[in-house]
PDB file of all heavy atoms in Angstrom:
ATOM      1  N   PRO A   1     135.289  62.493 156.368  1.00  0.00           N
ATOM      2  CA  PRO A   1     134.829  61.142 156.685  1.00  0.00           C
ATOM      3  C   PRO A   1     135.581  60.605 157.901  1.00  0.00           C
ATOM      4  O   PRO A   1     136.769  60.890 158.087  1.00  0.00           O
ATOM      5  CB  PRO A   1     135.171  60.337 155.431  1.00  0.00           C
ATOM      6  CG  PRO A   1     136.264  61.101 154.770  1.00  0.00           C
ATOM      7  CD  PRO A   1     136.055  62.538 155.118  1.00  0.00           C
ATOM      8  N   LEU A   2     134.877  59.851 158.727  1.00  0.00           N
ATOM      9  CA  LEU A   2     135.509  59.228 159.894  1.00  0.00           C
ATOM     10  C   LEU A   2     136.400  58.097 159.424  1.00  0.00           C
ATOM     11  O   LEU A   2     135.981  57.244 158.651  1.00  0.00           O
ATOM     12  CB  LEU A   2     134.454  58.688 160.854  1.00  0.00           C
ATOM     13  CG  LEU A   2     135.030  57.942 162.062  1.00  0.00           C
ATOM     14  CD1 LEU A   2     135.784  58.907 162.977  1.00  0.00           C
ATOM     15  CD2 LEU A   2     133.920  57.235 162.814  1.00  0.00           C
ATOM     16  N   ASP A   3     137.629  58.118 159.875  1.00  0.00           N
ATOM     17  CA  ASP A   3     138.538  57.011 159.605  1.00  0.00           C
ATOM     18  C   ASP A   3     138.526  56.102 160.832  1.00  0.00           C
ATOM     19  O   ASP A   3     137.883  55.069 160.834  1.00  0.00           O
ATOM     20  CB  ASP A   3     139.946  57.539 159.301  1.00  0.00           C
ATOM     21  CG  ASP A   3     140.919  56.436 158.926  1.00  0.00           C
ATOM     22  OD1 ASP A   3     140.464  55.335 158.576  1.00  0.00           O
ATOM     23  OD2 ASP A   3     142.131  56.675 158.999  1.00  0.00           O
ATOM     24  N   ILE A   4     139.196  56.516 161.881  1.00  0.00           N
ATOM     25  CA  ILE A   4     139.252  55.737 163.116  1.00  0.00           C
ATOM     26  C   ILE A   4     138.997  56.671 164.287  1.00  0.00           C
ATOM     27  O   ILE A   4     139.495  57.799 164.312  1.00  0.00           O
ATOM     28  CB  ILE A   4     140.634  55.065 163.290  1.00  0.00           C
ATOM     29  CG1 ILE A   4     140.911  54.108 162.151  1.00  0.00           C
ATOM     30  CG2 ILE A   4     140.720  54.328 164.626  1.00  0.00           C
ATOM     31  CD1 ILE A   4     142.322  53.524 162.163  1.00  0.00           C
ATOM     32  N   PHE A   5     138.223  56.207 165.255  1.00  0.00           N
ATOM     33  CA  PHE A   5     138.022  56.927 166.506  1.00  0.00           C
ATOM     34  C   PHE A   5     138.765  56.172 167.590  1.00  0.00           C
ATOM     35  O   PHE A   5     138.578  54.969 167.756  1.00  0.00           O
ATOM     36  CB  PHE A   5     136.526  57.005 166.850  1.00  0.00           C
ATOM     37  CG  PHE A   5     136.277  57.528 168.242  1.00  0.00           C
ATOM     38  CD1 PHE A   5     136.332  58.883 168.501  1.00  0.00           C
ATOM     39  CD2 PHE A   5     135.992  56.667 169.285  1.00  0.00           C
ATOM     40  CE1 PHE A   5     136.112  59.372 169.782  1.00  0.00           C
ATOM     41  CE2 PHE A   5     135.770  57.136 170.566  1.00  0.00           C
ATOM     42  CZ  PHE A   5     135.832  58.498 170.811  1.00  0.00           C
ATOM     43  N   TYR A   6     139.631  56.883 168.295  1.00  0.00           N
ATOM     44  CA  TYR A   6     140.351  56.300 169.423  1.00  0.00           C
ATOM     45  C   TYR A   6     139.794  56.898 170.708  1.00  0.00           C
ATOM     46  O   TYR A   6     139.765  58.121 170.870  1.00  0.00           O
ATOM     47  CB  TYR A   6     141.845  56.631 169.354  1.00  0.00           C
ATOM     48  CG  TYR A   6     142.561  56.036 168.179  1.00  0.00           C
ATOM     49  CD1 TYR A   6     142.897  56.828 167.084  1.00  0.00           C
ATOM     50  CD2 TYR A   6     142.907  54.691 168.171  1.00  0.00           C
ATOM     51  CE1 TYR A   6     143.572  56.285 165.993  1.00  0.00           C
ATOM     52  CE2 TYR A   6     143.582  54.144 167.087  1.00  0.00           C
ATOM     53  CZ  TYR A   6     143.914  54.946 166.006  1.00  0.00           C
ATOM     54  OH  TYR A   6     144.577  54.402 164.934  1.00  0.00           O
ATOM     55  N   GLU A   7     139.373  56.053 171.636  1.00  0.00           N
ATOM     56  CA  GLU A   7     138.883  56.517 172.922  1.00  0.00           C
ATOM     57  C   GLU A   7     140.044  57.089 173.728  1.00  0.00           C
ATOM     58  O   GLU A   7     141.130  56.507 173.772  1.00  0.00           O
ATOM     59  CB  GLU A   7     138.238  55.351 173.672  1.00  0.00           C
ATOM     60  CG  GLU A   7     137.526  55.757 174.928  1.00  0.00           C
ATOM     61  CD  GLU A   7     136.714  54.628 175.540  1.00  0.00           C
ATOM     62  OE1 GLU A   7     136.076  53.866 174.788  1.00  0.00           O
ATOM     63  OE2 GLU A   7     136.737  54.521 176.780  1.00  0.00           O
ATOM     64  N   ALA A   8     139.807  58.239 174.352  1.00  0.00           N
ATOM     65  CA  ALA A   8     140.835  58.876 175.177  1.00  0.00           C
ATOM     66  C   ALA A   8     141.049  58.075 176.460  1.00  0.00           C
ATOM     67  O   ALA A   8     140.217  57.238 176.844  1.00  0.00           O
ATOM     68  CB  ALA A   8     140.428  60.307 175.515  1.00  0.00           C
ATOM     69  N   GLU A   9     142.140  58.362 177.108  1.00  0.00           N
ATOM     70  CA  GLU A   9     142.486  57.700 178.351  1.00  0.00           C
ATOM     71  C   GLU A   9     141.374  57.873 179.389  1.00  0.00           C
ATOM     72  O   GLU A   9     140.618  58.831 179.352  1.00  0.00           O
ATOM     73  CB  GLU A   9     143.807  58.274 178.907  1.00  0.00           C
ATOM     74  CG  GLU A   9     145.016  58.001 178.033  1.00  0.00           C
ATOM     75  CD  GLU A   9     145.188  58.980 176.863  1.00  0.00           C
ATOM     76  OE1 GLU A   9     144.288  59.812 176.585  1.00  0.00           O
ATOM     77  OE2 GLU A   9     146.232  58.910 176.205  1.00  0.00           O
ATOM     78  N   GLU A  10     141.315  56.939 180.326  1.00  0.00           N
ATOM     79  CA  GLU A  10     140.251  56.898 181.337  1.00  0.00           C
ATOM     80  C   GLU A  10     140.099  58.223 182.096  1.00  0.00           C
ATOM     81  O   GLU A  10     138.987  58.659 182.371  1.00  0.00           O
ATOM     82  CB  GLU A  10     140.508  55.754 182.320  1.00  0.00           C
ATOM     83  CG  GLU A  10     139.436  55.565 183.360  1.00  0.00           C
ATOM     84  CD  GLU A  10     138.052  55.248 182.808  1.00  0.00           C
ATOM     85  OE1 GLU A  10     137.948  54.544 181.784  1.00  0.00           O
ATOM     86  OE2 GLU A  10     137.065  55.714 183.405  1.00  0.00           O
ATOM     87  N   TYR A  11     141.204  58.880 182.430  1.00  0.00           N
ATOM     88  CA  TYR A  11     141.095  60.095 183.244  1.00  0.00           C
ATOM     89  C   TYR A  11     140.440  61.255 182.483  1.00  0.00           C
ATOM     90  O   TYR A  11     140.071  62.267 183.091  1.00  0.00           O
ATOM     91  CB  TYR A  11     142.446  60.516 183.824  1.00  0.00           C
ATOM     92  CG  TYR A  11     143.488  61.004 182.837  1.00  0.00           C
ATOM     93  CD1 TYR A  11     143.641  62.369 182.558  1.00  0.00           C
ATOM     94  CD2 TYR A  11     144.345  60.115 182.194  1.00  0.00           C
ATOM     95  CE1 TYR A  11     144.597  62.820 181.671  1.00  0.00           C
ATOM     96  CE2 TYR A  11     145.312  60.558 181.298  1.00  0.00           C
ATOM     97  CZ  TYR A  11     145.431  61.910 181.043  1.00  0.00           C
ATOM     98  OH  TYR A  11     146.386  62.355 180.172  1.00  0.00           O
ATOM     99  N   HIS A  12     140.257  61.129 181.173  1.00  0.00           N
ATOM    100  CA  HIS A  12     139.545  62.156 180.401  1.00  0.00           C
ATOM    101  C   HIS A  12     138.038  61.909 180.376  1.00  0.00           C
ATOM    102  O   HIS A  12     137.271  62.806 180.035  1.00  0.00           O
ATOM    103  CB  HIS A  12     140.055  62.204 178.963  1.00  0.00           C
ATOM    104  CG  HIS A  12     141.440  62.732 178.839  1.00  0.00           C
ATOM    105  ND1 HIS A  12     141.789  64.013 179.193  1.00  0.00           N
ATOM    106  CD2 HIS A  12     142.580  62.131 178.417  1.00  0.00           C
ATOM    107  CE1 HIS A  12     143.082  64.188 178.982  1.00  0.00           C
ATOM    108  NE2 HIS A  12     143.582  63.057 178.520  1.00  0.00           N
ATOM    109  N   GLN A  13     137.609  60.702 180.711  1.00  0.00           N
ATOM    110  CA  GLN A  13     136.190  60.360 180.672  1.00  0.00           C
ATOM    111  C   GLN A  13     135.464  61.052 181.828  1.00  0.00           C
ATOM    112  O   GLN A  13     135.934  61.049 182.962  1.00  0.00           O
ATOM    113  CB  GLN A  13     136.002  58.839 180.765  1.00  0.00           C
ATOM    114  CG  GLN A  13     136.827  58.033 179.769  1.00  0.00           C
ATOM    115  CD  GLN A  13     136.583  58.391 178.313  1.00  0.00           C
ATOM    116  OE1 GLN A  13     135.447  58.590 177.888  1.00  0.00           O
ATOM    117  NE2 GLN A  13     137.650  58.469 177.537  1.00  0.00           N
ATOM    118  N   ASP A  14     134.334  61.671 181.531  1.00  0.00           N
ATOM    119  CA  ASP A  14     133.531  62.389 182.539  1.00  0.00           C
ATOM    120  C   ASP A  14     134.369  63.427 183.273  1.00  0.00           C
ATOM    121  O   ASP A  14     134.211  63.652 184.469  1.00  0.00           O
ATOM    122  CB  ASP A  14     132.906  61.408 183.544  1.00  0.00           C
ATOM    123  CG  ASP A  14     132.000  60.394 182.877  1.00  0.00           C
ATOM    124  OD1 ASP A  14     131.167  60.802 182.052  1.00  0.00           O
ATOM    125  OD2 ASP A  14     132.137  59.188 183.178  1.00  0.00           O
ATOM    126  N   TYR A  15     135.249  64.086 182.559  1.00  0.00           N
ATOM    127  CA  TYR A  15     136.219  64.978 183.186  1.00  0.00           C
ATOM    128  C   TYR A  15     135.562  66.095 183.996  1.00  0.00           C
ATOM    129  O   TYR A  15     135.901  66.313 185.160  1.00  0.00           O
ATOM    130  CB  TYR A  15     137.173  65.583 182.146  1.00  0.00           C
ATOM    131  CG  TYR A  15     138.338  66.262 182.819  1.00  0.00           C
ATOM    132  CD1 TYR A  15     139.451  65.524 183.202  1.00  0.00           C
ATOM    133  CD2 TYR A  15     138.312  67.618 183.124  1.00  0.00           C
ATOM    134  CE1 TYR A  15     140.518  66.128 183.854  1.00  0.00           C
ATOM    135  CE2 TYR A  15     139.375  68.224 183.777  1.00  0.00           C
ATOM    136  CZ  TYR A  15     140.463  67.478 184.138  1.00  0.00           C
ATOM    137  OH  TYR A  15     141.508  68.067 184.804  1.00  0.00           O
ATOM    138  N   TYR A  16     134.624  66.788 183.413  1.00  0.00           N
ATOM    139  CA  TYR A  16     133.989  67.895 184.128  1.00  0.00           C
ATOM    140  C   TYR A  16     133.237  67.393 185.358  1.00  0.00           C
ATOM    141  O   TYR A  16     133.353  67.971 186.433  1.00  0.00           O
ATOM    142  CB  TYR A  16     133.045  68.668 183.203  1.00  0.00           C
ATOM    143  CG  TYR A  16     132.339  69.810 183.899  1.00  0.00           C
ATOM    144  CD1 TYR A  16     133.019  70.998 184.167  1.00  0.00           C
ATOM    145  CD2 TYR A  16     131.014  69.705 184.290  1.00  0.00           C
ATOM    146  CE1 TYR A  16     132.389  72.050 184.818  1.00  0.00           C
ATOM    147  CE2 TYR A  16     130.374  70.751 184.937  1.00  0.00           C
ATOM    148  CZ  TYR A  16     131.062  71.920 185.207  1.00  0.00           C
ATOM    149  OH  TYR A  16     130.439  72.942 185.853  1.00  0.00           O
ATOM    150  N   GLN A  17     132.484  66.314 185.192  1.00  0.00           N
ATOM    151  CA  GLN A  17     131.721  65.761 186.314  1.00  0.00           C
ATOM    152  C   GLN A  17     132.640  65.369 187.475  1.00  0.00           C
ATOM    153  O   GLN A  17     132.263  65.502 188.634  1.00  0.00           O
ATOM    154  CB  GLN A  17     130.915  64.544 185.867  1.00  0.00           C
ATOM    155  CG  GLN A  17     129.784  64.881 184.947  1.00  0.00           C
ATOM    156  CD  GLN A  17     129.063  63.649 184.423  1.00  0.00           C
ATOM    157  OE1 GLN A  17     129.368  62.514 184.779  1.00  0.00           O
ATOM    158  NE2 GLN A  17     128.085  63.879 183.551  1.00  0.00           N
ATOM    159  N   ASN A  18     133.827  64.902 187.153  1.00  0.00           N
ATOM    160  CA  ASN A  18     134.762  64.449 188.181  1.00  0.00           C
ATOM    161  C   ASN A  18     135.693  65.542 188.696  1.00  0.00           C
ATOM    162  O   ASN A  18     136.430  65.317 189.659  1.00  0.00           O
ATOM    163  CB  ASN A  18     135.618  63.289 187.638  1.00  0.00           C
ATOM    164  CG  ASN A  18     134.785  62.061 187.346  1.00  0.00           C
ATOM    165  OD1 ASN A  18     133.783  61.802 188.007  1.00  0.00           O
ATOM    166  ND2 ASN A  18     135.190  61.302 186.347  1.00  0.00           N
ATOM    167  N   ASN A  19     135.692  66.716 188.054  1.00  0.00           N
ATOM    168  CA  ASN A  19     136.654  67.769 188.401  1.00  0.00           C
ATOM    169  C   ASN A  19     136.045  69.165 188.392  1.00  0.00           C
ATOM    170  O   ASN A  19     136.706  70.128 188.018  1.00  0.00           O
ATOM    171  CB  ASN A  19     137.828  67.737 187.408  1.00  0.00           C
ATOM    172  CG  ASN A  19     138.584  66.438 187.442  1.00  0.00           C
ATOM    173  OD1 ASN A  19     139.414  66.215 188.300  1.00  0.00           O
ATOM    174  ND2 ASN A  19     138.281  65.566 186.485  1.00  0.00           N
ATOM    175  N   THR A  20     134.805  69.309 188.830  1.00  0.00           N
ATOM    176  CA  THR A  20     134.123  70.603 188.716  1.00  0.00           C
ATOM    177  C   THR A  20     134.828  71.731 189.455  1.00  0.00           C
ATOM    178  O   THR A  20     134.672  72.891 189.082  1.00  0.00           O
ATOM    179  CB  THR A  20     132.661  70.521 189.204  1.00  0.00           C
ATOM    180  OG1 THR A  20     132.656  69.982 190.525  1.00  0.00           O
ATOM    181  CG2 THR A  20     131.816  69.670 188.283  1.00  0.00           C
ATOM    182  N   GLU A  21     135.599  71.425 190.482  1.00  0.00           N
ATOM    183  CA  GLU A  21     136.279  72.466 191.257  1.00  0.00           C
ATOM    184  C   GLU A  21     137.633  72.851 190.668  1.00  0.00           C
ATOM    185  O   GLU A  21     138.247  73.820 191.111  1.00  0.00           O
ATOM    186  CB  GLU A  21     136.436  72.029 192.715  1.00  0.00           C
ATOM    187  CG  GLU A  21     135.105  71.818 193.429  1.00  0.00           C
ATOM    188  CD  GLU A  21     134.174  73.017 193.328  1.00  0.00           C
ATOM    189  OE1 GLU A  21     134.623  74.157 193.588  1.00  0.00           O
ATOM    190  OE2 GLU A  21     132.991  72.830 192.981  1.00  0.00           O
ATOM    191  N   GLN A  22     138.100  72.104 189.687  1.00  0.00           N
ATOM    192  CA  GLN A  22     139.388  72.395 189.063  1.00  0.00           C
ATOM    193  C   GLN A  22     139.294  73.740 188.336  1.00  0.00           C
ATOM    194  O   GLN A  22     138.241  74.099 187.825  1.00  0.00           O
ATOM    195  CB  GLN A  22     139.736  71.242 188.097  1.00  0.00           C
ATOM    196  CG  GLN A  22     141.155  71.269 187.601  1.00  0.00           C
ATOM    197  CD  GLN A  22     141.213  71.454 186.090  1.00  0.00           C
ATOM    198  OE1 GLN A  22     140.309  71.957 185.464  1.00  0.00           O
ATOM    199  NE2 GLN A  22     142.332  71.060 185.534  1.00  0.00           N
ATOM    200  N   GLY A  23     140.383  74.493 188.288  1.00  0.00           N
ATOM    201  CA  GLY A  23     140.384  75.842 187.719  1.00  0.00           C
ATOM    202  C   GLY A  23     139.836  75.922 186.309  1.00  0.00           C
ATOM    203  O   GLY A  23     138.982  76.766 186.014  1.00  0.00           O
ATOM    204  N   TYR A  24     140.322  75.084 185.397  1.00  0.00           N
ATOM    205  CA  TYR A  24     139.863  75.111 184.004  1.00  0.00           C
ATOM    206  C   TYR A  24     138.361  74.873 183.942  1.00  0.00           C
ATOM    207  O   TYR A  24     137.643  75.552 183.199  1.00  0.00           O
ATOM    208  CB  TYR A  24     140.616  74.063 183.177  1.00  0.00           C
ATOM    209  CG  TYR A  24     140.280  74.098 181.705  1.00  0.00           C
ATOM    210  CD1 TYR A  24     140.976  74.934 180.836  1.00  0.00           C
ATOM    211  CD2 TYR A  24     139.269  73.303 181.164  1.00  0.00           C
ATOM    212  CE1 TYR A  24     140.680  74.982 179.482  1.00  0.00           C
ATOM    213  CE2 TYR A  24     138.958  73.345 179.818  1.00  0.00           C
ATOM    214  CZ  TYR A  24     139.672  74.179 178.984  1.00  0.00           C
ATOM    215  OH  TYR A  24     139.367  74.232 177.637  1.00  0.00           O
ATOM    216  N   CYS A  25     137.893  73.926 184.734  1.00  0.00           N
ATOM    217  CA  CYS A  25     136.460  73.624 184.735  1.00  0.00           C
ATOM    218  C   CYS A  25     135.651  74.823 185.216  1.00  0.00           C
ATOM    219  O   CYS A  25     134.643  75.190 184.621  1.00  0.00           O
ATOM    220  CB  CYS A  25     136.176  72.400 185.599  1.00  0.00           C
ATOM    221  SG  CYS A  25     136.858  70.872 184.936  1.00  0.00           S
ATOM    222  N   ASN A  26     136.103  75.443 186.311  1.00  0.00           N
ATOM    223  CA  ASN A  26     135.418  76.590 186.890  1.00  0.00           C
ATOM    224  C   ASN A  26     135.363  77.789 185.960  1.00  0.00           C
ATOM    225  O   ASN A  26     134.330  78.443 185.837  1.00  0.00           O
ATOM    226  CB  ASN A  26     136.130  77.026 188.174  1.00  0.00           C
ATOM    227  CG  ASN A  26     135.384  76.588 189.408  1.00  0.00           C
ATOM    228  OD1 ASN A  26     134.171  76.500 189.409  1.00  0.00           O
ATOM    229  ND2 ASN A  26     136.116  76.320 190.463  1.00  0.00           N
ATOM    230  N   PHE A  27     136.475  78.075 185.316  1.00  0.00           N
ATOM    231  CA  PHE A  27     136.575  79.311 184.546  1.00  0.00           C
ATOM    232  C   PHE A  27     136.235  79.178 183.061  1.00  0.00           C
ATOM    233  O   PHE A  27     135.920  80.166 182.412  1.00  0.00           O
ATOM    234  CB  PHE A  27     137.969  79.930 184.712  1.00  0.00           C
ATOM    235  CG  PHE A  27     138.229  80.354 186.127  1.00  0.00           C
ATOM    236  CD1 PHE A  27     139.091  79.634 186.927  1.00  0.00           C
ATOM    237  CD2 PHE A  27     137.587  81.446 186.662  1.00  0.00           C
ATOM    238  CE1 PHE A  27     139.316  80.007 188.252  1.00  0.00           C
ATOM    239  CE2 PHE A  27     137.805  81.835 187.983  1.00  0.00           C
ATOM    240  CZ  PHE A  27     138.673  81.107 188.779  1.00  0.00           C
ATOM    241  N   VAL A  28     136.298  77.957 182.531  1.00  0.00           N
ATOM    242  CA  VAL A  28     136.023  77.774 181.105  1.00  0.00           C
ATOM    243  C   VAL A  28     134.741  76.966 180.872  1.00  0.00           C
ATOM    244  O   VAL A  28     133.856  77.399 180.141  1.00  0.00           O
ATOM    245  CB  VAL A  28     137.229  77.096 180.389  1.00  0.00           C
ATOM    246  CG1 VAL A  28     136.901  76.833 178.923  1.00  0.00           C
ATOM    247  CG2 VAL A  28     138.474  77.962 180.512  1.00  0.00           C
ATOM    248  N   ILE A  29     134.645  75.807 181.492  1.00  0.00           N
ATOM    249  CA  ILE A  29     133.517  74.912 181.196  1.00  0.00           C
ATOM    250  C   ILE A  29     132.221  75.372 181.865  1.00  0.00           C
ATOM    251  O   ILE A  29     131.169  75.395 181.225  1.00  0.00           O
ATOM    252  CB  ILE A  29     133.849  73.454 181.572  1.00  0.00           C
ATOM    253  CG1 ILE A  29     135.094  72.993 180.798  1.00  0.00           C
ATOM    254  CG2 ILE A  29     132.654  72.542 181.265  1.00  0.00           C
ATOM    255  CD1 ILE A  29     135.603  71.609 181.178  1.00  0.00           C
ATOM    256  N   THR A  30     132.271  75.751 183.132  1.00  0.00           N
ATOM    257  CA  THR A  30     131.048  76.160 183.834  1.00  0.00           C
ATOM    258  C   THR A  30     130.333  77.317 183.118  1.00  0.00           C
ATOM    259  O   THR A  30     129.118  77.238 182.909  1.00  0.00           O
ATOM    260  CB  THR A  30     131.346  76.493 185.313  1.00  0.00           C
ATOM    261  OG1 THR A  30     131.856  75.297 185.941  1.00  0.00           O
ATOM    262  CG2 THR A  30     130.108  76.961 186.040  1.00  0.00           C
ATOM    263  N   PRO A  31     131.029  78.376 182.682  1.00  0.00           N
ATOM    264  CA  PRO A  31     130.327  79.438 181.934  1.00  0.00           C
ATOM    265  C   PRO A  31     129.749  78.946 180.600  1.00  0.00           C
ATOM    266  O   PRO A  31     128.657  79.367 180.197  1.00  0.00           O
ATOM    267  CB  PRO A  31     131.413  80.497 181.703  1.00  0.00           C
ATOM    268  CG  PRO A  31     132.443  80.234 182.744  1.00  0.00           C
ATOM    269  CD  PRO A  31     132.416  78.766 182.994  1.00  0.00           C
ATOM    270  N   LYS A  32     130.471  78.037 179.910  1.00  0.00           N
ATOM    271  CA  LYS A  32     129.942  77.484 178.651  1.00  0.00           C
ATOM    272  C   LYS A  32     128.651  76.708 178.916  1.00  0.00           C
ATOM    273  O   LYS A  32     127.693  76.792 178.153  1.00  0.00           O
ATOM    274  CB  LYS A  32     130.965  76.537 178.001  1.00  0.00           C
ATOM    275  CG  LYS A  32     131.967  77.223 177.144  1.00  0.00           C
ATOM    276  CD  LYS A  32     132.777  76.183 176.385  1.00  0.00           C
ATOM    277  CE  LYS A  32     133.593  76.870 175.337  1.00  0.00           C
ATOM    278  NZ  LYS A  32     133.774  76.120 174.141  1.00  0.00           N
TER     279      LYS A  32
END
């Protein structure tokens, strides 16, 4: 059951869209 949802810090929002060239994004997220 959901207790509390805490929104992550601003820099995590739209992370892939804002960081597509970053290594983790290129090698992990883009293939997914």
